[in-house]
N, C-alpha and C. Protein backbone atom coordinates (compact mmCIF):
# COMPACT_ATOMS: atom_id res chain seq x y z
N MET A 1 -9.43 -4.17 22.13
CA MET A 1 -10.49 -4.18 21.13
C MET A 1 -9.94 -4.72 19.82
N VAL A 2 -10.60 -5.69 19.24
CA VAL A 2 -10.22 -6.26 17.95
C VAL A 2 -10.97 -5.52 16.86
N VAL A 3 -10.26 -5.06 15.85
CA VAL A 3 -10.88 -4.38 14.72
C VAL A 3 -11.10 -5.42 13.62
N GLU A 4 -12.35 -5.72 13.32
CA GLU A 4 -12.68 -6.78 12.37
C GLU A 4 -12.48 -6.35 10.92
N CYS A 5 -12.83 -5.13 10.61
CA CYS A 5 -12.75 -4.70 9.22
C CYS A 5 -12.12 -3.33 9.13
N CYS A 6 -11.25 -3.28 8.21
CA CYS A 6 -10.59 -2.03 7.86
C CYS A 6 -9.79 -1.49 9.01
N PHE A 7 -10.04 -0.28 9.44
CA PHE A 7 -9.15 0.36 10.39
C PHE A 7 -9.93 1.04 11.51
N PRO A 8 -9.23 1.46 12.57
CA PRO A 8 -9.91 2.16 13.66
C PRO A 8 -10.61 3.42 13.13
N PRO A 9 -11.66 3.86 13.83
CA PRO A 9 -12.43 5.02 13.35
C PRO A 9 -11.60 6.26 13.05
N PHE A 10 -10.57 6.53 13.85
CA PHE A 10 -9.80 7.75 13.57
C PHE A 10 -9.04 7.65 12.25
N VAL A 11 -8.59 6.45 11.87
CA VAL A 11 -7.93 6.27 10.57
C VAL A 11 -8.96 6.35 9.46
N ASP A 12 -10.13 5.72 9.66
CA ASP A 12 -11.18 5.79 8.65
C ASP A 12 -11.69 7.21 8.43
N SER A 13 -11.39 8.12 9.36
CA SER A 13 -11.79 9.52 9.19
C SER A 13 -10.77 10.32 8.36
N TRP A 14 -9.60 9.74 8.10
CA TRP A 14 -8.59 10.42 7.27
C TRP A 14 -9.09 10.49 5.83
N PRO A 15 -8.53 11.41 5.04
CA PRO A 15 -8.96 11.51 3.64
C PRO A 15 -8.75 10.20 2.89
N GLU A 16 -9.73 9.87 2.06
CA GLU A 16 -9.60 8.70 1.20
C GLU A 16 -8.71 9.07 0.02
N VAL A 17 -7.89 8.12 -0.41
CA VAL A 17 -7.03 8.36 -1.56
C VAL A 17 -7.49 7.46 -2.70
N GLU A 18 -7.51 8.01 -3.90
CA GLU A 18 -7.90 7.23 -5.07
C GLU A 18 -6.67 6.50 -5.59
N LEU A 19 -6.63 5.22 -5.35
CA LEU A 19 -5.49 4.41 -5.76
C LEU A 19 -5.63 3.99 -7.22
N THR A 20 -4.53 3.71 -7.85
CA THR A 20 -4.47 3.41 -9.27
C THR A 20 -5.16 2.09 -9.63
N TYR A 21 -5.25 1.16 -8.70
CA TYR A 21 -5.71 -0.19 -9.01
C TYR A 21 -7.06 -0.49 -8.38
N GLU A 22 -8.02 -0.93 -9.22
CA GLU A 22 -9.36 -1.26 -8.76
C GLU A 22 -9.30 -2.39 -7.75
N GLY A 23 -10.06 -2.24 -6.66
CA GLY A 23 -10.07 -3.25 -5.61
C GLY A 23 -9.26 -2.83 -4.40
N LEU A 24 -8.43 -1.80 -4.55
CA LEU A 24 -7.65 -1.27 -3.42
C LEU A 24 -8.26 0.04 -2.95
N THR A 25 -8.40 0.19 -1.65
CA THR A 25 -8.83 1.46 -1.07
C THR A 25 -7.77 1.92 -0.09
N GLY A 26 -7.77 3.21 0.21
CA GLY A 26 -6.75 3.71 1.12
C GLY A 26 -7.16 4.98 1.83
N ARG A 27 -6.56 5.16 2.98
CA ARG A 27 -6.69 6.38 3.79
C ARG A 27 -5.30 6.96 3.96
N VAL A 28 -5.16 8.26 3.72
CA VAL A 28 -3.84 8.86 3.63
C VAL A 28 -3.61 9.93 4.70
N LEU A 29 -2.39 9.97 5.18
CA LEU A 29 -1.91 11.03 6.06
C LEU A 29 -0.67 11.60 5.39
N LYS A 30 -0.74 12.88 5.01
CA LYS A 30 0.36 13.51 4.27
C LYS A 30 1.25 14.29 5.22
N SER A 31 2.52 14.35 4.87
CA SER A 31 3.47 15.22 5.56
C SER A 31 4.40 15.79 4.50
N PRO A 32 5.18 16.81 4.84
CA PRO A 32 6.13 17.35 3.86
C PRO A 32 7.18 16.33 3.42
N ARG A 33 7.38 15.28 4.20
CA ARG A 33 8.43 14.30 3.89
C ARG A 33 7.93 13.00 3.30
N GLY A 34 6.62 12.79 3.26
CA GLY A 34 6.13 11.54 2.71
C GLY A 34 4.64 11.35 2.87
N LEU A 35 4.19 10.17 2.50
CA LEU A 35 2.79 9.79 2.58
C LEU A 35 2.68 8.50 3.38
N THR A 36 1.74 8.47 4.31
CA THR A 36 1.44 7.25 5.05
C THR A 36 0.04 6.83 4.63
N ILE A 37 -0.09 5.60 4.15
CA ILE A 37 -1.37 5.14 3.64
C ILE A 37 -1.72 3.78 4.24
N PHE A 38 -2.91 3.70 4.81
CA PHE A 38 -3.49 2.44 5.23
C PHE A 38 -4.30 1.94 4.03
N MET A 39 -3.98 0.75 3.53
CA MET A 39 -4.65 0.22 2.34
C MET A 39 -5.37 -1.08 2.67
N ALA A 40 -6.43 -1.35 1.90
CA ALA A 40 -7.18 -2.60 2.06
C ALA A 40 -7.59 -3.10 0.68
N ALA A 41 -7.66 -4.42 0.53
CA ALA A 41 -8.10 -5.05 -0.73
C ALA A 41 -9.38 -5.83 -0.46
N ASP A 42 -10.42 -5.51 -1.24
CA ASP A 42 -11.68 -6.24 -1.08
C ASP A 42 -11.79 -7.41 -2.06
N ARG A 43 -10.77 -7.57 -2.91
CA ARG A 43 -10.70 -8.69 -3.87
C ARG A 43 -9.24 -8.91 -4.22
N ASP A 44 -8.94 -9.96 -4.93
CA ASP A 44 -7.57 -10.19 -5.40
C ASP A 44 -7.21 -9.08 -6.38
N VAL A 45 -6.02 -8.52 -6.22
CA VAL A 45 -5.57 -7.41 -7.06
C VAL A 45 -4.15 -7.69 -7.55
N LEU A 46 -3.97 -7.66 -8.86
CA LEU A 46 -2.63 -7.73 -9.44
C LEU A 46 -2.16 -6.31 -9.69
N VAL A 47 -1.06 -5.93 -9.08
CA VAL A 47 -0.45 -4.63 -9.32
C VAL A 47 0.72 -4.89 -10.28
N PRO A 48 0.56 -4.54 -11.57
CA PRO A 48 1.59 -4.88 -12.54
C PRO A 48 2.92 -4.16 -12.28
N ARG A 49 3.93 -4.65 -12.93
CA ARG A 49 5.29 -4.11 -12.76
C ARG A 49 5.27 -2.59 -12.93
N HIS A 50 5.91 -1.92 -11.99
CA HIS A 50 5.99 -0.46 -12.00
C HIS A 50 7.16 -0.04 -11.11
N ARG A 51 7.40 1.25 -11.04
CA ARG A 51 8.43 1.79 -10.15
C ARG A 51 8.01 3.17 -9.69
N HIS A 52 8.56 3.59 -8.59
CA HIS A 52 8.28 4.91 -8.01
C HIS A 52 9.34 5.17 -6.96
N GLY A 53 9.12 6.19 -6.14
CA GLY A 53 10.06 6.49 -5.06
C GLY A 53 10.07 5.39 -4.01
N ALA A 54 10.93 5.54 -3.03
CA ALA A 54 11.09 4.52 -1.98
C ALA A 54 9.77 4.26 -1.25
N GLN A 55 9.62 3.01 -0.81
CA GLN A 55 8.39 2.57 -0.14
C GLN A 55 8.75 1.53 0.91
N TRP A 56 8.14 1.66 2.09
CA TRP A 56 8.26 0.64 3.13
C TRP A 56 6.85 0.25 3.51
N GLY A 57 6.61 -1.05 3.69
CA GLY A 57 5.28 -1.50 4.05
C GLY A 57 5.29 -2.65 5.02
N ILE A 58 4.18 -2.77 5.73
CA ILE A 58 3.98 -3.90 6.64
C ILE A 58 2.57 -4.45 6.41
N VAL A 59 2.47 -5.76 6.33
CA VAL A 59 1.18 -6.41 6.16
C VAL A 59 0.50 -6.48 7.53
N LEU A 60 -0.71 -5.94 7.60
CA LEU A 60 -1.47 -5.94 8.85
C LEU A 60 -2.40 -7.14 8.96
N ALA A 61 -2.89 -7.62 7.81
CA ALA A 61 -3.78 -8.78 7.79
C ALA A 61 -3.72 -9.39 6.39
N GLY A 62 -3.99 -10.68 6.30
CA GLY A 62 -3.99 -11.36 5.02
C GLY A 62 -2.58 -11.60 4.51
N HIS A 63 -2.48 -11.73 3.18
CA HIS A 63 -1.15 -11.96 2.60
C HIS A 63 -1.05 -11.41 1.19
N MET A 64 0.18 -11.28 0.74
CA MET A 64 0.50 -10.77 -0.58
C MET A 64 1.79 -11.39 -1.06
N GLU A 65 2.03 -11.29 -2.36
CA GLU A 65 3.31 -11.71 -2.94
C GLU A 65 3.92 -10.49 -3.61
N LEU A 66 5.22 -10.35 -3.48
CA LEU A 66 5.95 -9.23 -4.07
C LEU A 66 7.10 -9.77 -4.89
N GLU A 67 7.20 -9.33 -6.15
CA GLU A 67 8.31 -9.73 -7.01
C GLU A 67 9.18 -8.50 -7.22
N MET A 68 10.45 -8.65 -6.90
CA MET A 68 11.40 -7.55 -7.03
C MET A 68 12.76 -8.15 -7.36
N GLY A 69 13.39 -7.64 -8.41
CA GLY A 69 14.70 -8.16 -8.78
C GLY A 69 14.70 -9.62 -9.19
N GLY A 70 13.58 -10.09 -9.77
CA GLY A 70 13.50 -11.48 -10.21
C GLY A 70 13.19 -12.47 -9.11
N VAL A 71 12.99 -12.00 -7.89
CA VAL A 71 12.69 -12.87 -6.75
C VAL A 71 11.27 -12.57 -6.26
N ARG A 72 10.45 -13.63 -6.14
CA ARG A 72 9.09 -13.48 -5.62
C ARG A 72 9.06 -14.00 -4.20
N GLU A 73 8.56 -13.15 -3.29
CA GLU A 73 8.43 -13.54 -1.89
C GLU A 73 7.01 -13.31 -1.42
N SER A 74 6.60 -14.11 -0.45
CA SER A 74 5.27 -14.03 0.15
C SER A 74 5.38 -13.34 1.50
N TYR A 75 4.42 -12.46 1.79
CA TYR A 75 4.41 -11.73 3.05
C TYR A 75 3.05 -11.89 3.71
N GLY A 76 3.07 -12.20 5.00
CA GLY A 76 1.85 -12.33 5.78
C GLY A 76 1.82 -11.32 6.90
N SER A 77 0.79 -11.42 7.70
CA SER A 77 0.57 -10.48 8.80
C SER A 77 1.82 -10.31 9.66
N GLY A 78 2.21 -9.05 9.86
CA GLY A 78 3.36 -8.73 10.69
C GLY A 78 4.68 -8.65 9.95
N GLN A 79 4.71 -9.05 8.68
CA GLN A 79 5.96 -9.01 7.91
C GLN A 79 6.05 -7.71 7.12
N SER A 80 7.28 -7.19 7.01
CA SER A 80 7.49 -5.93 6.30
C SER A 80 8.42 -6.12 5.12
N HIS A 81 8.43 -5.14 4.25
CA HIS A 81 9.32 -5.14 3.09
C HIS A 81 9.66 -3.70 2.71
N TYR A 82 10.82 -3.56 2.08
CA TYR A 82 11.30 -2.25 1.65
C TYR A 82 11.60 -2.31 0.16
N ILE A 83 11.14 -1.30 -0.57
CA ILE A 83 11.40 -1.20 -2.00
C ILE A 83 12.16 0.10 -2.23
N PRO A 84 13.43 0.02 -2.62
CA PRO A 84 14.20 1.24 -2.87
C PRO A 84 13.63 2.04 -4.05
N ALA A 85 13.91 3.32 -4.08
CA ALA A 85 13.44 4.20 -5.15
C ALA A 85 13.90 3.68 -6.51
N GLY A 86 12.98 3.70 -7.47
CA GLY A 86 13.30 3.35 -8.85
C GLY A 86 13.41 1.88 -9.17
N VAL A 87 13.14 0.99 -8.21
CA VAL A 87 13.25 -0.45 -8.44
C VAL A 87 11.94 -0.99 -9.01
N ASP A 88 12.03 -1.70 -10.14
CA ASP A 88 10.84 -2.33 -10.72
C ASP A 88 10.33 -3.42 -9.78
N HIS A 89 9.00 -3.48 -9.63
CA HIS A 89 8.40 -4.51 -8.78
C HIS A 89 6.94 -4.69 -9.18
N GLU A 90 6.38 -5.84 -8.80
CA GLU A 90 4.95 -6.09 -8.99
C GLU A 90 4.45 -6.85 -7.77
N ALA A 91 3.14 -6.78 -7.56
CA ALA A 91 2.57 -7.43 -6.38
C ALA A 91 1.27 -8.14 -6.73
N MET A 92 1.04 -9.24 -6.05
CA MET A 92 -0.26 -9.91 -6.07
C MET A 92 -0.80 -9.79 -4.66
N ILE A 93 -1.89 -9.08 -4.53
CA ILE A 93 -2.50 -8.82 -3.22
C ILE A 93 -3.81 -9.60 -3.18
N TYR A 94 -4.02 -10.34 -2.10
CA TYR A 94 -5.18 -11.21 -2.01
C TYR A 94 -6.30 -10.58 -1.18
N ALA A 95 -7.54 -10.91 -1.56
CA ALA A 95 -8.72 -10.37 -0.88
C ALA A 95 -8.59 -10.51 0.63
N GLY A 96 -8.95 -9.46 1.35
CA GLY A 96 -8.87 -9.46 2.80
C GLY A 96 -7.57 -8.88 3.34
N TRP A 97 -6.63 -8.58 2.45
CA TRP A 97 -5.34 -8.01 2.84
C TRP A 97 -5.52 -6.58 3.33
N ARG A 98 -4.73 -6.23 4.34
CA ARG A 98 -4.63 -4.84 4.80
C ARG A 98 -3.16 -4.55 5.04
N GLY A 99 -2.74 -3.34 4.70
CA GLY A 99 -1.34 -2.98 4.87
C GLY A 99 -1.16 -1.52 5.23
N LEU A 100 -0.03 -1.24 5.81
CA LEU A 100 0.38 0.13 6.14
C LEU A 100 1.61 0.43 5.30
N TYR A 101 1.56 1.51 4.53
CA TYR A 101 2.65 1.87 3.63
C TYR A 101 3.10 3.30 3.83
N ILE A 102 4.41 3.48 3.77
CA ILE A 102 4.99 4.81 3.84
C ILE A 102 5.78 5.01 2.56
N PHE A 103 5.45 6.07 1.84
CA PHE A 103 6.11 6.43 0.58
C PHE A 103 6.92 7.70 0.79
N ASP A 104 8.07 7.78 0.12
CA ASP A 104 8.80 9.04 0.16
C ASP A 104 8.00 10.09 -0.61
N LYS A 105 8.37 11.32 -0.44
CA LYS A 105 7.59 12.40 -1.05
C LYS A 105 8.11 12.76 -2.44
N SER A 106 8.53 11.78 -3.20
CA SER A 106 9.00 12.04 -4.56
C SER A 106 7.81 12.21 -5.51
N GLU A 107 8.07 12.83 -6.63
CA GLU A 107 7.04 13.01 -7.66
C GLU A 107 6.51 11.65 -8.13
N GLN A 108 7.40 10.66 -8.25
CA GLN A 108 6.99 9.32 -8.70
C GLN A 108 6.00 8.71 -7.72
N SER A 109 6.27 8.82 -6.42
CA SER A 109 5.40 8.21 -5.42
C SER A 109 4.04 8.88 -5.42
N VAL A 110 4.02 10.20 -5.49
CA VAL A 110 2.76 10.93 -5.47
C VAL A 110 1.92 10.56 -6.70
N ALA A 111 2.54 10.44 -7.86
CA ALA A 111 1.82 10.07 -9.08
C ALA A 111 1.26 8.65 -8.98
N PHE A 112 2.03 7.72 -8.40
CA PHE A 112 1.58 6.34 -8.25
C PHE A 112 0.38 6.24 -7.33
N VAL A 113 0.44 6.94 -6.23
CA VAL A 113 -0.61 6.84 -5.22
C VAL A 113 -1.91 7.42 -5.74
N GLY A 114 -1.89 8.50 -6.47
CA GLY A 114 -3.10 9.07 -7.02
C GLY A 114 -3.56 10.30 -6.28
N ALA A 115 -4.78 10.68 -6.55
CA ALA A 115 -5.33 11.92 -6.01
C ALA A 115 -6.06 11.69 -4.70
N GLN A 116 -5.96 12.65 -3.83
CA GLN A 116 -6.67 12.59 -2.56
C GLN A 116 -8.12 13.01 -2.80
N ARG A 117 -9.05 12.27 -2.23
CA ARG A 117 -10.46 12.65 -2.30
C ARG A 117 -10.79 13.51 -1.10
N ALA A 118 -11.59 14.53 -1.31
CA ALA A 118 -11.98 15.43 -0.20
C ALA A 118 -13.06 14.80 0.64
């Protein structure tokens, strides 16, 4: 089965998370050790330079650019990236992008991700 938009129904049933940047939506699965978030962009979104706890992500659809350590790289479907804790980075996420992200359970990561909606 091909999923045309967003995520499978069981993921769409997870709690929605209020992300810091307009145009990004997310569904979150929390554990004592971290946060797993499926994110989607319905428009182009610039995520300005920031830092937080460690993060690993994989692009599920579309593409994005990530600048870290003065180097800008482009990531497309199936490509992953790792951002160590405390490293400044920024991203340009393009409309139609979907990604899976795992954040460590640090205070910085929780603050960046935002509040869970009931």
